[in-house]
Amino acid sequence: LPTTFEPSDDDKAKFPNPEDLHIEMKKRKGKMLANMKFIGNLFLRQLLAVKVIGQVVHDLVGIKEGNALPEEHMIECVCELLQAIGFTLDETTQGESLMNSFASRLKDISSIKVGGKAAFGKRIQFSIEYLLELRKNKWQKKLFKEQAKTKAAVRDEFGR
C-alpha cells in the first residue's frame, strides 16, 4: 500500500483536470479497499494464517517509529479487513487476543488529539466506532428498516 494517498506530481501531470484526478484517486481507493476484502477472503478460505493477518494490521496501524500517526486510508483498510474477518478471527483464542489488541489500538487512534482537536476526521472515527460496536454485538450488523412511523409512534418516542 502507498504510504500516502495524496496525488503525486506525476498524477497531477497525467490528469490536469481536477475532476479526472478526483475520479482516478477514487478508483485507487476502491482498489485498495477491494484488496483488503480479498486478503480477508483469503483468510476466510484458510489460505492465510492468523499470523499473516496480524502482520498486515500491524503494518497498517501499528505503532511506528517516532510515534507517527497512521494515514487515514490505512485505518480505513484495517476497518474494512476486520469487518470482513472479525467474526472468524474471534472464534480462535489466538485470533481473539489479536482482535483485542487491534480494538485497543483502534480506540487509541480514535482518541488521539493534535493541537486540541481530533487527529482524524469524523468519518474515520465513526468507522472505528462502528467496527467496535459490531464486535461488541457479536458481529451482527445493524438493520435499518425503511418503514414509516405513525404519529402515535413518533409521539411515544419523543415523549419518553
Protein backbone atom coordinates (compact mmCIF):
# COMPACT_ATOMS: atom_id res chain seq x y z
CA LEU A 1 0.00 0.00 0.00
CA PRO A 2 1.17 3.54 -0.64
CA THR A 3 2.38 5.46 2.40
CA THR A 4 0.30 8.46 1.42
CA PHE A 5 -2.87 8.77 -0.56
CA GLU A 6 -2.30 12.26 -1.88
CA PRO A 7 -1.90 12.59 -5.65
CA SER A 8 1.73 12.73 -6.73
CA ASP A 9 3.17 15.26 -9.16
CA ASP A 10 3.05 12.57 -11.88
CA ASP A 11 -0.66 12.05 -11.17
CA LYS A 12 -1.30 15.78 -11.38
CA ALA A 13 0.57 15.96 -14.70
CA LYS A 14 -1.27 12.92 -16.07
CA PHE A 15 -4.69 14.29 -15.00
CA PRO A 16 -4.60 18.10 -15.32
CA ASN A 17 -8.38 18.32 -14.88
CA PRO A 18 -9.20 18.21 -11.12
CA GLU A 19 -12.32 16.13 -11.78
CA ASP A 20 -10.33 13.47 -13.63
CA LEU A 21 -7.74 13.44 -10.85
CA HIS A 22 -10.50 13.02 -8.26
CA ILE A 23 -12.02 10.12 -10.24
CA GLU A 24 -8.61 8.43 -10.51
CA MET A 25 -7.98 8.78 -6.77
CA LYS A 26 -11.43 7.37 -6.05
CA LYS A 27 -10.66 4.36 -8.28
CA ARG A 28 -7.39 3.77 -6.41
CA LYS A 29 -9.17 3.92 -3.09
CA GLY A 30 -11.74 1.42 -4.35
CA LYS A 31 -8.97 -0.94 -5.48
CA MET A 32 -7.20 -0.58 -2.14
CA LEU A 33 -10.35 -1.46 -0.19
CA ALA A 34 -11.04 -4.34 -2.59
CA ASN A 35 -7.54 -5.67 -1.87
CA MET A 36 -8.38 -5.67 1.84
CA LYS A 37 -11.57 -7.64 1.16
CA PHE A 38 -9.52 -10.04 -0.96
CA ILE A 39 -6.99 -10.56 1.84
CA GLY A 40 -9.91 -11.13 4.20
CA ASN A 41 -11.44 -13.71 1.88
CA LEU A 42 -8.09 -15.50 1.56
CA PHE A 43 -8.06 -15.74 5.36
CA LEU A 44 -11.65 -16.97 5.45
CA ARG A 45 -10.76 -19.71 2.94
CA GLN A 46 -7.83 -20.64 5.23
CA LEU A 47 -5.24 -19.66 2.64
CA LEU A 48 -3.67 -17.11 5.01
CA ALA A 49 -2.70 -17.72 8.63
CA VAL A 50 -3.74 -15.63 11.62
CA LYS A 51 -0.12 -14.56 11.94
CA VAL A 52 -0.21 -13.00 8.45
CA ILE A 53 -3.37 -11.05 9.29
CA GLY A 54 -1.71 -9.83 12.46
CA GLN A 55 1.29 -8.65 10.46
CA VAL A 56 -0.89 -6.89 7.85
CA VAL A 57 -2.82 -4.99 10.52
CA HIS A 58 0.37 -4.15 12.38
CA ASP A 59 1.96 -2.83 9.19
CA LEU A 60 -1.09 -0.65 8.57
CA VAL A 61 -1.84 0.81 12.01
CA GLY A 62 0.89 -0.46 14.32
CA ILE A 63 2.95 1.96 16.34
CA LYS A 64 5.53 3.48 14.01
CA GLU A 65 8.93 4.98 14.71
CA GLY A 66 8.69 8.41 16.26
CA ASN A 67 5.02 7.79 17.18
CA ALA A 68 3.97 8.79 13.65
CA LEU A 69 0.23 8.54 13.14
CA PRO A 70 -1.08 6.09 10.52
CA GLU A 71 -2.63 7.59 7.39
CA GLU A 72 -6.43 7.71 7.22
CA HIS A 73 -6.58 5.32 4.28
CA MET A 74 -4.63 2.73 6.29
CA ILE A 75 -7.12 2.93 9.15
CA GLU A 76 -9.94 2.59 6.66
CA CYS A 77 -8.27 -0.52 5.20
CA VAL A 78 -7.96 -2.10 8.65
CA CYS A 79 -11.62 -1.41 9.38
CA GLU A 80 -12.60 -2.99 6.05
CA LEU A 81 -10.42 -6.04 6.68
CA LEU A 82 -11.62 -6.57 10.24
CA GLN A 83 -15.27 -6.21 9.22
CA ALA A 84 -14.72 -9.00 6.70
CA ILE A 85 -12.89 -11.41 9.01
CA GLY A 86 -13.71 -10.32 12.56
CA PHE A 87 -16.30 -12.99 13.26
CA THR A 88 -13.99 -15.81 12.16
CA LEU A 89 -10.96 -14.27 13.84
CA ASP A 90 -12.80 -14.02 17.17
CA GLU A 91 -13.55 -17.76 17.13
CA THR A 92 -9.98 -18.82 17.98
CA THR A 93 -8.08 -17.91 21.13
CA GLN A 94 -5.09 -16.55 19.17
CA GLY A 95 -7.44 -14.58 16.92
CA GLU A 96 -9.41 -13.23 19.86
CA SER A 97 -6.25 -11.95 21.55
CA LEU A 98 -5.22 -10.32 18.27
CA MET A 99 -8.67 -8.73 17.92
CA ASN A 100 -8.38 -7.41 21.49
CA SER A 101 -5.07 -5.74 20.64
CA PHE A 102 -6.44 -4.40 17.33
CA ALA A 103 -9.50 -3.00 19.12
CA SER A 104 -7.42 -1.27 21.78
CA ARG A 105 -5.10 0.21 19.13
CA LEU A 106 -8.09 1.48 17.13
CA LYS A 107 -9.60 3.02 20.29
CA ASP A 108 -6.28 4.74 20.96
CA ILE A 109 -6.12 6.02 17.38
CA SER A 110 -9.69 7.29 17.57
CA SER A 111 -8.98 9.31 20.70
CA ILE A 112 -5.69 10.92 19.59
CA LYS A 113 -5.81 14.71 19.66
CA VAL A 114 -3.41 17.04 17.85
CA GLY A 115 -3.47 20.69 18.80
CA GLY A 116 -6.64 20.30 20.86
CA LYS A 117 -8.70 18.72 18.08
CA ALA A 118 -9.11 15.16 16.83
CA ALA A 119 -6.25 13.90 14.66
CA PHE A 120 -8.66 12.10 12.30
CA GLY A 121 -11.91 13.12 10.69
CA LYS A 122 -15.37 12.10 11.84
CA ARG A 123 -15.65 9.54 9.02
CA ILE A 124 -12.66 7.61 10.36
CA GLN A 125 -13.80 7.94 13.96
CA PHE A 126 -17.27 6.64 13.09
CA SER A 127 -15.82 3.80 11.04
CA ILE A 128 -13.72 2.72 14.05
CA GLU A 129 -16.72 3.13 16.36
CA TYR A 130 -18.89 1.05 14.00
CA LEU A 131 -16.29 -1.73 13.92
CA LEU A 132 -16.01 -1.81 17.72
CA GLU A 133 -19.81 -1.83 18.11
CA LEU A 134 -20.06 -4.61 15.56
CA ARG A 135 -17.64 -6.71 17.59
CA LYS A 136 -19.45 -5.92 20.84
CA ASN A 137 -22.72 -7.10 19.21
CA LYS A 138 -21.12 -10.43 18.20
CA TRP A 139 -20.67 -9.23 14.57
CA GLN A 140 -24.39 -8.73 13.97
CA LYS A 141 -24.84 -5.78 11.63
CA LYS A 142 -27.47 -3.18 12.34
CA LEU A 143 -30.50 -3.44 10.12
CA PHE A 144 -32.34 -0.26 9.34
CA LYS A 145 -35.91 -0.88 8.28
CA GLU A 146 -37.38 1.63 5.89
CA GLN A 147 -40.81 1.93 7.37
CA ALA A 148 -42.92 4.97 8.05
CA LYS A 149 -43.88 5.59 11.67
CA THR A 150 -47.35 6.53 12.77
CA LYS A 151 -47.93 9.84 14.52
CA ALA A 152 -48.58 7.97 17.75
CA ALA A 153 -45.25 6.13 17.48
CA VAL A 154 -43.39 9.42 16.94
CA ARG A 155 -45.17 11.00 19.94
CA ASP A 156 -44.31 7.98 22.10
CA GLU A 157 -40.68 8.11 21.00
CA PHE A 158 -40.27 11.78 21.85
CA GLY A 159 -42.47 11.58 24.93
CA ARG A 160 -40.02 9.28 26.71
